[in-house]
Amino acid sequence: MRHVLVLAILLAVPPAAAAEAVPPDAVAVDPVVHRLILDNDHIRVFDARAARGTTSPMHSHPPMVLVSLGKARLRMTLPDGGRPVIDLNPGQVMWVEGAKHAWELLAGELHAIGVEIKSAQGAATPPVIPARAANDSTLADPDVHHVLFENPHVRVFEGRTSHGRRSPMHSHPPSLLVSEDWIRLRLTLPDGSNVIHDFHPAQVLWLPEGGTHSWETIAGNGRVIAIEVKSAQAALATR
């Protein structure tokens, strides 16, 4: 799965440093780069953008899914003094289990969407979700809805389509969508009605109720990342 990457150098600090103070939150200490765009009971989402030469002070992130939309090379500074260089590329999707770092953007343009998962923070118990629906998107149309990774808090898949592609009636649990491309879809709902929906690059869309539909791509070719949030799915099931 070439679009999935878990970067060990971004993860929690070594055990010897675990007792040290946690650096300030990224959105609080560097809001110009880490712009908050969504905050609810289940997720907090920021849009990170920066140009070459930008530096970001020491900060922390809670567990999150990171979707890279740009191409960038960064020199990280870790709490233990390590200074690894990492590359982010368009289409990379990764689970980051709590990061502590400062960085300098050496080349390219940083553009990434960070989706912080509140159920994964602290000592929270992972949510218990109901069984997948029989018409779950990844079961009804796995060629389009391809699972990238899953853990106790999220399931992440990529949806790929092209002009003329159709997908049969299927369902989604509560999800956050991140679009990489321009796509126009004709959605057909269970009652037979039709809705036209446009995706555009870097669009972020929260679907708190999930949904059931079929669709046809009437323009564009592209890729959408779907982050299914299990705590929201469990909450919806108890309503």
C-alpha atoms as a PDB file:
ATOM      1  CA  MET A   1       0.000   0.000   0.000  1.00  0.00           C
ATOM      2  CA  ARG A   2       2.231   2.747  -1.315  1.00  0.00           C
ATOM      3  CA  HIS A   3       0.092   5.590  -0.011  1.00  0.00           C
ATOM      4  CA  VAL A   4       0.236   4.460   3.610  1.00  0.00           C
ATOM      5  CA  LEU A   5       3.144   5.419   5.834  1.00  0.00           C
ATOM      6  CA  VAL A   6       3.677   5.248   9.581  1.00  0.00           C
ATOM      7  CA  LEU A   7       6.680   7.399  10.433  1.00  0.00           C
ATOM      8  CA  ALA A   8       8.459   6.061  13.506  1.00  0.00           C
ATOM      9  CA  ILE A   9      10.374   9.311  13.929  1.00  0.00           C
ATOM     10  CA  LEU A  10       7.084  11.174  14.392  1.00  0.00           C
ATOM     11  CA  LEU A  11       5.831   8.923  17.148  1.00  0.00           C
ATOM     12  CA  ALA A  12       6.067   9.197  20.914  1.00  0.00           C
ATOM     13  CA  VAL A  13       9.373  10.199  22.474  1.00  0.00           C
ATOM     14  CA  PRO A  14      11.643   7.474  23.890  1.00  0.00           C
ATOM     15  CA  PRO A  15      10.666   5.997  27.299  1.00  0.00           C
ATOM     16  CA  ALA A  16      13.437   7.886  29.104  1.00  0.00           C
ATOM     17  CA  ALA A  17      11.805  11.160  28.118  1.00  0.00           C
ATOM     18  CA  ALA A  18       8.226  10.100  28.838  1.00  0.00           C
ATOM     19  CA  ALA A  19       8.084  11.945  32.164  1.00  0.00           C
ATOM     20  CA  GLU A  20       9.129  15.261  30.625  1.00  0.00           C
ATOM     21  CA  ALA A  21       6.590  18.013  30.077  1.00  0.00           C
ATOM     22  CA  VAL A  22       4.526  17.643  26.920  1.00  0.00           C
ATOM     23  CA  PRO A  23       5.276  20.442  24.419  1.00  0.00           C
ATOM     24  CA  PRO A  24       2.459  22.898  23.628  1.00  0.00           C
ATOM     25  CA  ASP A  25      -0.350  21.825  21.324  1.00  0.00           C
ATOM     26  CA  ALA A  26       0.397  22.517  17.642  1.00  0.00           C
ATOM     27  CA  VAL A  27      -2.816  24.450  16.988  1.00  0.00           C
ATOM     28  CA  ALA A  28      -2.270  26.598  20.091  1.00  0.00           C
ATOM     29  CA  VAL A  29       1.429  27.382  19.599  1.00  0.00           C
ATOM     30  CA  ASP A  30       1.501  27.670  15.787  1.00  0.00           C
ATOM     31  CA  PRO A  31      -2.028  28.508  14.557  1.00  0.00           C
ATOM     32  CA  VAL A  32      -0.813  30.242  11.380  1.00  0.00           C
ATOM     33  CA  VAL A  33       0.534  26.918  10.050  1.00  0.00           C
ATOM     34  CA  HIS A  34      -1.925  24.606  11.844  1.00  0.00           C
ATOM     35  CA  ARG A  35      -5.279  26.244  11.039  1.00  0.00           C
ATOM     36  CA  LEU A  36      -8.198  24.706  12.921  1.00  0.00           C
ATOM     37  CA  ILE A  37     -11.065  23.908  10.541  1.00  0.00           C
ATOM     38  CA  LEU A  38     -13.319  21.515  12.488  1.00  0.00           C
ATOM     39  CA  ASP A  39     -13.829  20.493  16.113  1.00  0.00           C
ATOM     40  CA  ASN A  40     -16.583  18.233  17.456  1.00  0.00           C
ATOM     41  CA  ASP A  41     -17.088  15.483  20.044  1.00  0.00           C
ATOM     42  CA  HIS A  42     -15.078  12.945  18.042  1.00  0.00           C
ATOM     43  CA  ILE A  43     -12.396  14.710  15.998  1.00  0.00           C
ATOM     44  CA  ARG A  44     -10.427  17.917  15.686  1.00  0.00           C
ATOM     45  CA  VAL A  45      -9.159  18.755  12.208  1.00  0.00           C
ATOM     46  CA  PHE A  46      -6.440  21.190  11.149  1.00  0.00           C
ATOM     47  CA  ASP A  47      -5.160  22.262   7.743  1.00  0.00           C
ATOM     48  CA  ALA A  48      -1.343  22.654   7.816  1.00  0.00           C
ATOM     49  CA  ARG A  49       0.238  24.837   5.130  1.00  0.00           C
ATOM     50  CA  ALA A  50       3.706  26.348   4.882  1.00  0.00           C
ATOM     51  CA  ALA A  51       6.260  27.505   2.304  1.00  0.00           C
ATOM     52  CA  ARG A  52       9.960  26.664   2.065  1.00  0.00           C
ATOM     53  CA  GLY A  53      11.956  28.218   4.890  1.00  0.00           C
ATOM     54  CA  THR A  54       9.085  28.143   7.399  1.00  0.00           C
ATOM     55  CA  THR A  55       9.950  26.934  10.900  1.00  0.00           C
ATOM     56  CA  SER A  56       7.546  25.635  13.519  1.00  0.00           C
ATOM     57  CA  PRO A  57       8.475  25.666  17.242  1.00  0.00           C
ATOM     58  CA  MET A  58       8.465  22.587  19.457  1.00  0.00           C
ATOM     59  CA  HIS A  59       4.892  21.301  19.716  1.00  0.00           C
ATOM     60  CA  SER A  60       2.844  18.145  20.150  1.00  0.00           C
ATOM     61  CA  HIS A  61       0.007  16.351  18.397  1.00  0.00           C
ATOM     62  CA  PRO A  62      -2.465  13.856  19.876  1.00  0.00           C
ATOM     63  CA  PRO A  63      -3.019  10.605  17.952  1.00  0.00           C
ATOM     64  CA  MET A  64      -4.186  11.445  14.450  1.00  0.00           C
ATOM     65  CA  VAL A  65      -4.566  10.477  10.832  1.00  0.00           C
ATOM     66  CA  LEU A  66      -2.374  12.691   8.630  1.00  0.00           C
ATOM     67  CA  VAL A  67      -3.203  13.098   4.938  1.00  0.00           C
ATOM     68  CA  SER A  68      -0.470  14.768   2.884  1.00  0.00           C
ATOM     69  CA  LEU A  69      -1.672  16.794  -0.095  1.00  0.00           C
ATOM     70  CA  GLY A  70       1.622  18.522  -0.916  1.00  0.00           C
ATOM     71  CA  LYS A  71       5.245  17.611  -1.546  1.00  0.00           C
ATOM     72  CA  ALA A  72       7.624  18.745   1.172  1.00  0.00           C
ATOM     73  CA  ARG A  73      10.936  17.937   2.844  1.00  0.00           C
ATOM     74  CA  LEU A  74      11.236  18.784   6.528  1.00  0.00           C
ATOM     75  CA  ARG A  75      14.064  18.678   9.052  1.00  0.00           C
ATOM     76  CA  MET A  76      12.527  17.607  12.328  1.00  0.00           C
ATOM     77  CA  THR A  77      13.942  18.404  15.777  1.00  0.00           C
ATOM     78  CA  LEU A  78      12.882  15.832  18.384  1.00  0.00           C
ATOM     79  CA  PRO A  79      12.845  16.249  22.185  1.00  0.00           C
ATOM     80  CA  ASP A  80      15.942  14.034  22.453  1.00  0.00           C
ATOM     81  CA  GLY A  81      17.862  16.307  20.061  1.00  0.00           C
ATOM     82  CA  GLY A  82      17.578  14.043  17.018  1.00  0.00           C
ATOM     83  CA  ARG A  83      17.225  15.866  13.689  1.00  0.00           C
ATOM     84  CA  PRO A  84      15.917  13.464  11.033  1.00  0.00           C
ATOM     85  CA  VAL A  85      14.868  14.630   7.575  1.00  0.00           C
ATOM     86  CA  ILE A  86      11.532  13.352   6.263  1.00  0.00           C
ATOM     87  CA  ASP A  87       9.688  13.645   2.962  1.00  0.00           C
ATOM     88  CA  LEU A  88       5.940  14.066   2.594  1.00  0.00           C
ATOM     89  CA  ASN A  89       4.376  13.345  -0.787  1.00  0.00           C
ATOM     90  CA  PRO A  90       0.898  13.837  -2.242  1.00  0.00           C
ATOM     91  CA  GLY A  91      -1.356  10.930  -1.379  1.00  0.00           C
ATOM     92  CA  GLN A  92       0.477   9.696   1.726  1.00  0.00           C
ATOM     93  CA  VAL A  93      -1.869   8.687   4.535  1.00  0.00           C
ATOM     94  CA  MET A  94      -0.478   7.793   7.942  1.00  0.00           C
ATOM     95  CA  TRP A  95      -1.443   7.074  11.527  1.00  0.00           C
ATOM     96  CA  VAL A  96       0.646   9.172  13.937  1.00  0.00           C
ATOM     97  CA  GLU A  97       0.550   7.936  17.531  1.00  0.00           C
ATOM     98  CA  GLY A  98       1.252  11.248  19.238  1.00  0.00           C
ATOM     99  CA  ALA A  99       4.089  13.427  17.882  1.00  0.00           C
ATOM    100  CA  LYS A 100       6.484  15.807  19.639  1.00  0.00           C
ATOM    101  CA  HIS A 101       8.761  17.873  17.435  1.00  0.00           C
ATOM    102  CA  ALA A 102       9.797  21.171  15.912  1.00  0.00           C
ATOM    103  CA  TRP A 103      10.558  21.444  12.195  1.00  0.00           C
ATOM    104  CA  GLU A 104      11.973  23.501   9.353  1.00  0.00           C
ATOM    105  CA  LEU A 105      10.609  23.207   5.807  1.00  0.00           C
ATOM    106  CA  LEU A 106      13.657  22.619   3.597  1.00  0.00           C
ATOM    107  CA  ALA A 107      11.955  22.241   0.207  1.00  0.00           C
ATOM    108  CA  GLY A 108       8.540  22.123  -1.388  1.00  0.00           C
ATOM    109  CA  GLU A 109       5.207  23.296  -0.025  1.00  0.00           C
ATOM    110  CA  LEU A 110       3.695  21.710   3.057  1.00  0.00           C
ATOM    111  CA  HIS A 111      -0.014  20.960   2.761  1.00  0.00           C
ATOM    112  CA  ALA A 112      -1.506  18.325   5.027  1.00  0.00           C
ATOM    113  CA  ILE A 113      -4.776  17.628   6.793  1.00  0.00           C
ATOM    114  CA  GLY A 114      -4.476  16.409  10.384  1.00  0.00           C
ATOM    115  CA  VAL A 115      -7.462  14.528  11.818  1.00  0.00           C
ATOM    116  CA  GLU A 116      -7.002  14.163  15.573  1.00  0.00           C
ATOM    117  CA  ILE A 117      -9.011  11.279  17.046  1.00  0.00           C
ATOM    118  CA  LYS A 118     -10.352  12.104  20.497  1.00  0.00           C
ATOM    119  CA  SER A 119     -11.161   8.498  21.450  1.00  0.00           C
ATOM    120  CA  ALA A 120      -7.439   7.677  21.083  1.00  0.00           C
ATOM    121  CA  GLN A 121      -6.307  10.320  23.567  1.00  0.00           C
ATOM    122  CA  GLY A 122      -5.320   9.598  27.158  1.00  0.00           C
ATOM    123  CA  ALA A 123      -6.626   6.406  28.714  1.00  0.00           C
ATOM    124  CA  ALA A 124      -9.899   6.403  26.793  1.00  0.00           C
ATOM    125  CA  THR A 125     -11.367   2.953  26.123  1.00  0.00           C
ATOM    126  CA  PRO A 126     -11.618   2.175  22.387  1.00  0.00           C
ATOM    127  CA  PRO A 127     -15.223   2.363  21.195  1.00  0.00           C
ATOM    128  CA  VAL A 128     -17.249  -0.791  20.643  1.00  0.00           C
ATOM    129  CA  ILE A 129     -18.866  -0.604  17.227  1.00  0.00           C
ATOM    130  CA  PRO A 130     -21.722  -2.657  15.803  1.00  0.00           C
ATOM    131  CA  ALA A 131     -21.160  -5.215  13.066  1.00  0.00           C
ATOM    132  CA  ARG A 132     -20.546  -3.808   9.609  1.00  0.00           C
ATOM    133  CA  ALA A 133     -23.678  -3.409   7.506  1.00  0.00           C
ATOM    134  CA  ALA A 134     -24.148  -6.028   4.798  1.00  0.00           C
ATOM    135  CA  ASN A 135     -23.943  -3.240   2.206  1.00  0.00           C
ATOM    136  CA  ASP A 136     -20.849  -1.613   3.751  1.00  0.00           C
ATOM    137  CA  SER A 137     -18.981   0.239   0.998  1.00  0.00           C
ATOM    138  CA  THR A 138     -15.844  -1.889   1.288  1.00  0.00           C
ATOM    139  CA  LEU A 139     -17.930  -5.055   0.914  1.00  0.00           C
ATOM    140  CA  ALA A 140     -20.317  -3.840  -1.783  1.00  0.00           C
ATOM    141  CA  ASP A 141     -17.645  -2.234  -3.963  1.00  0.00           C
ATOM    142  CA  PRO A 142     -14.125  -3.127  -2.741  1.00  0.00           C
ATOM    143  CA  ASP A 143     -12.447  -2.222  -6.036  1.00  0.00           C
ATOM    144  CA  VAL A 144     -13.353   1.418  -5.437  1.00  0.00           C
ATOM    145  CA  HIS A 145     -13.383   1.509  -1.609  1.00  0.00           C
ATOM    146  CA  HIS A 146      -9.946   0.093  -0.795  1.00  0.00           C
ATOM    147  CA  VAL A 147      -9.029  -0.143   2.917  1.00  0.00           C
ATOM    148  CA  LEU A 148      -5.617   1.356   3.689  1.00  0.00           C
ATOM    149  CA  PHE A 149      -5.463   0.600   7.401  1.00  0.00           C
ATOM    150  CA  GLU A 150      -7.611   0.046  10.474  1.00  0.00           C
ATOM    151  CA  ASN A 151      -7.049   0.287  14.239  1.00  0.00           C
ATOM    152  CA  PRO A 152      -9.372   0.405  17.283  1.00  0.00           C
ATOM    153  CA  HIS A 153     -10.286   4.043  16.571  1.00  0.00           C
ATOM    154  CA  VAL A 154     -10.506   4.464  12.792  1.00  0.00           C
ATOM    155  CA  ARG A 155     -10.818   2.617   9.531  1.00  0.00           C
ATOM    156  CA  VAL A 156      -9.315   4.494   6.592  1.00  0.00           C
ATOM    157  CA  PHE A 157      -9.987   3.744   2.935  1.00  0.00           C
ATOM    158  CA  GLU A 158      -9.305   5.420  -0.366  1.00  0.00           C
ATOM    159  CA  GLY A 159     -12.031   5.816  -2.952  1.00  0.00           C
ATOM    160  CA  ARG A 160     -10.863   6.016  -6.553  1.00  0.00           C
ATOM    161  CA  THR A 161     -13.038   6.711  -9.553  1.00  0.00           C
ATOM    162  CA  SER A 162     -12.999   7.900 -13.154  1.00  0.00           C
ATOM    163  CA  HIS A 163     -15.517   9.352 -15.593  1.00  0.00           C
ATOM    164  CA  GLY A 164     -18.415   6.951 -16.152  1.00  0.00           C
ATOM    165  CA  ARG A 165     -17.670   4.717 -13.160  1.00  0.00           C
ATOM    166  CA  ARG A 166     -20.710   3.544 -11.188  1.00  0.00           C
ATOM    167  CA  SER A 167     -20.926   2.173  -7.666  1.00  0.00           C
ATOM    168  CA  PRO A 168     -23.889   0.090  -6.419  1.00  0.00           C
ATOM    169  CA  MET A 169     -26.039   1.008  -3.431  1.00  0.00           C
ATOM    170  CA  HIS A 170     -23.855   0.927  -0.305  1.00  0.00           C
ATOM    171  CA  SER A 171     -23.512   2.492   3.147  1.00  0.00           C
ATOM    172  CA  HIS A 172     -20.939   4.481   5.113  1.00  0.00           C
ATOM    173  CA  PRO A 173     -20.610   4.980   8.886  1.00  0.00           C
ATOM    174  CA  PRO A 174     -19.805   8.500  10.209  1.00  0.00           C
ATOM    175  CA  SER A 175     -16.734   9.622   8.285  1.00  0.00           C
ATOM    176  CA  LEU A 176     -14.475  12.521   7.433  1.00  0.00           C
ATOM    177  CA  LEU A 177     -13.703  12.832   3.711  1.00  0.00           C
ATOM    178  CA  VAL A 178     -10.589  14.495   2.284  1.00  0.00           C
ATOM    179  CA  SER A 179     -10.648  14.988  -1.495  1.00  0.00           C
ATOM    180  CA  GLU A 180      -7.504  15.162  -3.593  1.00  0.00           C
ATOM    181  CA  ASP A 181      -9.136  15.954  -6.957  1.00  0.00           C
ATOM    182  CA  TRP A 182     -12.049  17.500  -8.846  1.00  0.00           C
ATOM    183  CA  ILE A 183     -14.907  15.006  -9.150  1.00  0.00           C
ATOM    184  CA  ARG A 184     -18.619  15.428  -9.906  1.00  0.00           C
ATOM    185  CA  LEU A 185     -20.894  12.599  -8.763  1.00  0.00           C
ATOM    186  CA  ARG A 186     -24.566  11.902  -9.272  1.00  0.00           C
ATOM    187  CA  LEU A 187     -25.745  10.297  -6.028  1.00  0.00           C
ATOM    188  CA  THR A 188     -28.861   8.136  -5.946  1.00  0.00           C
ATOM    189  CA  LEU A 189     -30.473   7.848  -2.505  1.00  0.00           C
ATOM    190  CA  PRO A 190     -32.513   4.893  -1.210  1.00  0.00           C
ATOM    191  CA  ASP A 191     -35.783   6.729  -2.020  1.00  0.00           C
ATOM    192  CA  GLY A 192     -34.723   7.037  -5.669  1.00  0.00           C
ATOM    193  CA  SER A 193     -33.970  10.768  -5.604  1.00  0.00           C
ATOM    194  CA  ASN A 194     -30.767  12.137  -7.165  1.00  0.00           C
ATOM    195  CA  VAL A 195     -28.275  14.676  -5.847  1.00  0.00           C
ATOM    196  CA  ILE A 196     -25.282  16.184  -7.669  1.00  0.00           C
ATOM    197  CA  HIS A 197     -22.186  16.542  -5.478  1.00  0.00           C
ATOM    198  CA  ASP A 198     -18.860  18.155  -6.382  1.00  0.00           C
ATOM    199  CA  PHE A 199     -15.557  17.302  -4.723  1.00  0.00           C
ATOM    200  CA  HIS A 200     -12.626  19.671  -5.118  1.00  0.00           C
ATOM    201  CA  PRO A 201      -8.922  19.430  -4.170  1.00  0.00           C
ATOM    202  CA  ALA A 202      -8.272  19.758  -0.415  1.00  0.00           C
ATOM    203  CA  GLN A 203     -11.994  19.700   0.411  1.00  0.00           C
ATOM    204  CA  VAL A 204     -12.756  18.384   3.904  1.00  0.00           C
ATOM    205  CA  LEU A 205     -16.287  17.112   4.584  1.00  0.00           C
ATOM    206  CA  TRP A 206     -17.654  15.670   7.850  1.00  0.00           C
ATOM    207  CA  LEU A 207     -20.556  13.215   7.516  1.00  0.00           C
ATOM    208  CA  PRO A 208     -21.802  12.720  11.116  1.00  0.00           C
ATOM    209  CA  GLU A 209     -24.652  10.398  10.106  1.00  0.00           C
ATOM    210  CA  GLY A 210     -22.791   8.439   7.439  1.00  0.00           C
ATOM    211  CA  GLY A 211     -25.135   7.630   4.584  1.00  0.00           C
ATOM    212  CA  THR A 212     -26.494   5.184   2.034  1.00  0.00           C
ATOM    213  CA  HIS A 213     -26.366   5.796  -1.714  1.00  0.00           C
ATOM    214  CA  SER A 214     -25.160   4.633  -5.091  1.00  0.00           C
ATOM    215  CA  TRP A 215     -23.301   6.945  -7.441  1.00  0.00           C
ATOM    216  CA  GLU A 216     -22.045   7.629 -10.953  1.00  0.00           C
ATOM    217  CA  THR A 217     -19.028   9.775 -11.829  1.00  0.00           C
ATOM    218  CA  ILE A 218     -20.219  12.287 -14.408  1.00  0.00           C
ATOM    219  CA  ALA A 219     -17.012  14.363 -14.580  1.00  0.00           C
ATOM    220  CA  GLY A 220     -13.443  14.131 -13.377  1.00  0.00           C
ATOM    221  CA  ASN A 221     -11.115  11.399 -12.194  1.00  0.00           C
ATOM    222  CA  GLY A 222      -9.820  11.240  -8.694  1.00  0.00           C
ATOM    223  CA  ARG A 223      -9.231  10.014  -5.194  1.00  0.00           C
ATOM    224  CA  VAL A 224     -10.967  10.655  -1.883  1.00  0.00           C
ATOM    225  CA  ILE A 225      -9.656   9.540   1.526  1.00  0.00           C
ATOM    226  CA  ALA A 226     -12.393   8.453   3.953  1.00  0.00           C
ATOM    227  CA  ILE A 227     -11.628   8.311   7.684  1.00  0.00           C
ATOM    228  CA  GLU A 228     -14.350   6.332   9.426  1.00  0.00           C
ATOM    229  CA  VAL A 229     -14.465   7.430  13.077  1.00  0.00           C
ATOM    230  CA  LYS A 230     -15.454   4.511  15.299  1.00  0.00           C
ATOM    231  CA  SER A 231     -16.438   6.600  18.338  1.00  0.00           C
ATOM    232  CA  ALA A 232     -18.969   8.459  16.165  1.00  0.00           C
ATOM    233  CA  GLN A 233     -20.216   5.154  14.785  1.00  0.00           C
ATOM    234  CA  ALA A 234     -20.689   3.750  18.307  1.00  0.00           C
ATOM    235  CA  ALA A 235     -22.505   6.922  19.437  1.00  0.00           C
ATOM    236  CA  LEU A 236     -24.822   6.797  16.428  1.00  0.00           C
ATOM    237  CA  ALA A 237     -25.680   3.160  17.152  1.00  0.00           C
ATOM    238  CA  THR A 238     -26.870   4.016  20.682  1.00  0.00           C
ATOM    239  CA  ARG A 239     -29.216   6.829  19.632  1.00  0.00           C
END
